[in-house]
Amino acid sequence: MEGGEEGELPLEVEPRGTGVNKMTYWVATDLLSGDWKELPLITPDQVNASRSIKYLFTGDLDRQIYTNPHFKGK
């Protein structure tokens, strides 16, 4: 999903504007000249998993994340 294109969502993903997807978040690799990218919708399980992870993010938005506990997603 990118730029608001939802298409077919898995059952565990809450619709945009509700639950964990109440807000829309955007990121950029460069605040001055970078393009802003809308983050995809998430599941409640991803929120719970992310709360137990300490991770320093870089500018690569497509980089695979290797953590313990395992995080499904990028």
N, C-alpha and C. Protein backbone atom coordinates (compact mmCIF):
# COMPACT_ATOMS: atom_id res chain seq x y z
N MET A 1 0.83 -1.18 0.00
CA MET A 1 0.00 0.00 0.00
C MET A 1 0.87 1.23 0.00
N GLU A 2 0.52 2.14 -0.82
CA GLU A 2 1.32 3.35 -0.88
C GLU A 2 0.45 4.51 -1.29
N GLY A 3 0.65 5.66 -0.65
CA GLY A 3 -0.05 6.86 -1.06
C GLY A 3 -1.57 6.75 -1.00
N GLY A 4 -2.10 5.99 -0.01
CA GLY A 4 -3.53 5.91 0.17
C GLY A 4 -4.22 4.84 -0.65
N GLU A 5 -3.50 4.02 -1.38
CA GLU A 5 -4.10 2.96 -2.16
C GLU A 5 -4.28 1.74 -1.27
N GLU A 6 -5.51 1.51 -0.79
CA GLU A 6 -5.74 0.44 0.16
C GLU A 6 -6.00 -0.90 -0.52
N GLY A 7 -6.81 -0.93 -1.57
CA GLY A 7 -7.10 -2.19 -2.24
C GLY A 7 -7.74 -3.17 -1.29
N GLU A 8 -7.39 -4.45 -1.41
CA GLU A 8 -7.91 -5.49 -0.54
C GLU A 8 -7.05 -5.58 0.73
N LEU A 9 -7.66 -5.37 1.90
CA LEU A 9 -6.93 -5.41 3.15
C LEU A 9 -7.18 -6.73 3.87
N PRO A 10 -6.16 -7.26 4.55
CA PRO A 10 -6.38 -8.45 5.38
C PRO A 10 -7.40 -8.13 6.48
N LEU A 11 -8.08 -9.12 7.00
CA LEU A 11 -9.11 -8.92 8.01
C LEU A 11 -8.62 -8.22 9.27
N GLU A 12 -7.36 -8.47 9.66
CA GLU A 12 -6.85 -7.90 10.91
C GLU A 12 -6.48 -6.41 10.80
N VAL A 13 -6.47 -5.85 9.59
CA VAL A 13 -6.17 -4.42 9.40
C VAL A 13 -7.44 -3.62 9.62
N GLU A 14 -7.38 -2.68 10.57
CA GLU A 14 -8.53 -1.81 10.83
C GLU A 14 -8.62 -0.76 9.73
N PRO A 15 -9.82 -0.38 9.32
CA PRO A 15 -9.98 0.60 8.24
C PRO A 15 -9.36 1.95 8.58
N ARG A 16 -8.96 2.69 7.56
CA ARG A 16 -8.39 4.03 7.73
C ARG A 16 -9.38 4.90 8.51
N GLY A 17 -8.86 5.64 9.51
CA GLY A 17 -9.70 6.53 10.31
C GLY A 17 -10.26 5.89 11.56
N THR A 18 -9.97 4.60 11.80
CA THR A 18 -10.47 3.93 13.00
C THR A 18 -9.34 3.17 13.69
N GLY A 19 -9.52 2.91 14.99
CA GLY A 19 -8.58 2.10 15.75
C GLY A 19 -7.14 2.56 15.63
N VAL A 20 -6.22 1.62 15.38
CA VAL A 20 -4.80 1.96 15.28
C VAL A 20 -4.48 2.76 14.01
N ASN A 21 -5.40 2.80 13.08
CA ASN A 21 -5.21 3.57 11.84
C ASN A 21 -6.03 4.86 11.84
N LYS A 22 -6.33 5.37 13.04
CA LYS A 22 -7.10 6.60 13.14
C LYS A 22 -6.35 7.78 12.52
N MET A 23 -5.03 7.82 12.71
CA MET A 23 -4.19 8.88 12.17
C MET A 23 -3.43 8.36 10.96
N THR A 24 -3.02 9.27 10.08
CA THR A 24 -2.18 8.94 8.94
C THR A 24 -0.80 9.52 9.18
N TYR A 25 0.24 8.73 8.97
CA TYR A 25 1.61 9.17 9.21
C TYR A 25 2.41 9.20 7.91
N TRP A 26 3.28 10.19 7.81
CA TRP A 26 4.11 10.39 6.62
C TRP A 26 5.57 10.46 7.06
N VAL A 27 6.48 10.02 6.19
CA VAL A 27 7.92 10.08 6.45
C VAL A 27 8.65 10.62 5.23
N ALA A 28 9.84 11.13 5.48
CA ALA A 28 10.71 11.61 4.40
C ALA A 28 12.14 11.32 4.78
N THR A 29 12.97 11.03 3.81
CA THR A 29 14.38 10.79 4.09
C THR A 29 15.16 12.09 4.19
N ASP A 30 14.62 13.16 3.63
CA ASP A 30 15.25 14.48 3.69
C ASP A 30 14.15 15.51 3.87
N LEU A 31 14.19 16.26 4.97
CA LEU A 31 13.11 17.20 5.28
C LEU A 31 13.02 18.36 4.29
N LEU A 32 14.13 18.74 3.68
CA LEU A 32 14.11 19.89 2.78
C LEU A 32 13.78 19.52 1.34
N SER A 33 14.41 18.49 0.82
CA SER A 33 14.21 18.18 -0.59
C SER A 33 13.66 16.78 -0.84
N GLY A 34 13.40 16.04 0.23
CA GLY A 34 12.93 14.67 0.06
C GLY A 34 11.44 14.60 -0.25
N ASP A 35 11.04 13.52 -0.89
CA ASP A 35 9.63 13.28 -1.15
C ASP A 35 9.01 12.65 0.09
N TRP A 36 7.81 13.07 0.44
CA TRP A 36 7.11 12.50 1.58
C TRP A 36 6.36 11.26 1.13
N LYS A 37 6.37 10.22 1.97
CA LYS A 37 5.75 8.95 1.65
C LYS A 37 4.78 8.60 2.77
N GLU A 38 3.55 8.24 2.41
CA GLU A 38 2.56 7.84 3.41
C GLU A 38 2.86 6.42 3.88
N LEU A 39 2.89 6.24 5.19
CA LEU A 39 3.12 4.90 5.73
C LEU A 39 1.88 4.05 5.55
N PRO A 40 2.05 2.73 5.34
CA PRO A 40 0.89 1.86 5.11
C PRO A 40 0.07 1.67 6.39
N LEU A 41 -1.14 1.16 6.21
CA LEU A 41 -1.99 0.82 7.35
C LEU A 41 -1.34 -0.31 8.13
N ILE A 42 -1.61 -0.35 9.44
CA ILE A 42 -0.99 -1.36 10.29
C ILE A 42 -2.05 -2.18 11.01
N THR A 43 -1.60 -3.25 11.66
CA THR A 43 -2.49 -4.10 12.45
C THR A 43 -2.23 -3.88 13.93
N PRO A 44 -3.20 -4.20 14.79
CA PRO A 44 -2.96 -4.10 16.23
C PRO A 44 -1.78 -4.97 16.69
N ASP A 45 -1.57 -6.12 16.05
CA ASP A 45 -0.44 -6.97 16.40
C ASP A 45 0.90 -6.27 16.13
N GLN A 46 0.98 -5.50 15.04
CA GLN A 46 2.20 -4.76 14.74
C GLN A 46 2.46 -3.68 15.78
N VAL A 47 1.41 -3.03 16.26
CA VAL A 47 1.57 -2.02 17.32
C VAL A 47 2.11 -2.67 18.58
N ASN A 48 1.52 -3.80 18.98
CA ASN A 48 1.97 -4.50 20.18
C ASN A 48 3.42 -4.96 20.05
N ALA A 49 3.80 -5.50 18.90
CA ALA A 49 5.18 -5.95 18.70
C ALA A 49 6.15 -4.78 18.72
N SER A 50 5.77 -3.66 18.12
CA SER A 50 6.67 -2.51 18.05
C SER A 50 6.95 -1.89 19.41
N ARG A 51 6.04 -2.04 20.35
CA ARG A 51 6.23 -1.48 21.69
C ARG A 51 7.36 -2.15 22.46
N SER A 52 7.74 -3.35 22.08
CA SER A 52 8.81 -4.06 22.79
C SER A 52 10.13 -4.02 22.03
N ILE A 53 10.21 -3.23 20.96
CA ILE A 53 11.42 -3.16 20.14
C ILE A 53 12.10 -1.81 20.32
N LYS A 54 13.40 -1.84 20.53
CA LYS A 54 14.22 -0.62 20.55
C LYS A 54 15.09 -0.67 19.31
N TYR A 55 14.89 0.29 18.39
CA TYR A 55 15.56 0.22 17.09
C TYR A 55 15.82 1.63 16.59
N LEU A 56 17.01 1.85 16.07
CA LEU A 56 17.37 3.14 15.48
C LEU A 56 17.15 3.05 13.98
N PHE A 57 16.28 3.91 13.46
CA PHE A 57 15.95 3.88 12.04
C PHE A 57 16.88 4.76 11.24
N THR A 58 17.12 4.36 9.98
CA THR A 58 17.93 5.13 9.06
C THR A 58 17.02 5.72 7.98
N GLY A 59 17.58 6.30 6.96
CA GLY A 59 16.81 6.91 5.90
C GLY A 59 16.26 5.95 4.87
N ASP A 60 16.55 4.66 4.97
CA ASP A 60 16.10 3.68 3.99
C ASP A 60 14.74 3.12 4.43
N LEU A 61 13.67 3.58 3.80
CA LEU A 61 12.32 3.19 4.20
C LEU A 61 11.96 1.77 3.77
N ASP A 62 12.72 1.18 2.85
CA ASP A 62 12.43 -0.16 2.37
C ASP A 62 13.35 -1.22 2.97
N ARG A 63 14.14 -0.84 3.97
CA ARG A 63 15.09 -1.76 4.59
C ARG A 63 14.36 -2.77 5.46
N GLN A 64 14.77 -4.03 5.39
CA GLN A 64 14.22 -5.08 6.23
C GLN A 64 14.68 -4.85 7.67
N ILE A 65 13.80 -5.05 8.63
CA ILE A 65 14.11 -4.86 10.04
C ILE A 65 14.30 -6.23 10.69
N TYR A 66 15.47 -6.44 11.30
CA TYR A 66 15.75 -7.69 12.01
C TYR A 66 15.77 -7.40 13.49
N THR A 67 14.79 -7.90 14.23
CA THR A 67 14.67 -7.61 15.65
C THR A 67 14.30 -8.87 16.43
N ASN A 68 14.44 -8.77 17.72
CA ASN A 68 13.96 -9.80 18.63
C ASN A 68 13.14 -9.09 19.70
N PRO A 69 11.83 -9.27 19.74
CA PRO A 69 11.00 -10.22 18.99
C PRO A 69 10.86 -9.83 17.53
N HIS A 70 10.52 -10.82 16.72
CA HIS A 70 10.38 -10.63 15.28
C HIS A 70 9.30 -9.60 14.97
N PHE A 71 9.56 -8.72 14.01
CA PHE A 71 8.58 -7.73 13.54
C PHE A 71 8.27 -8.02 12.09
N LYS A 72 7.00 -8.27 11.80
CA LYS A 72 6.57 -8.52 10.41
C LYS A 72 6.33 -7.18 9.74
N GLY A 73 7.13 -6.85 8.79
CA GLY A 73 6.96 -5.60 8.07
C GLY A 73 8.27 -4.87 7.89
N LYS A 74 8.18 -3.74 7.24
CA LYS A 74 9.36 -2.90 7.01
C LYS A 74 9.15 -1.56 7.64
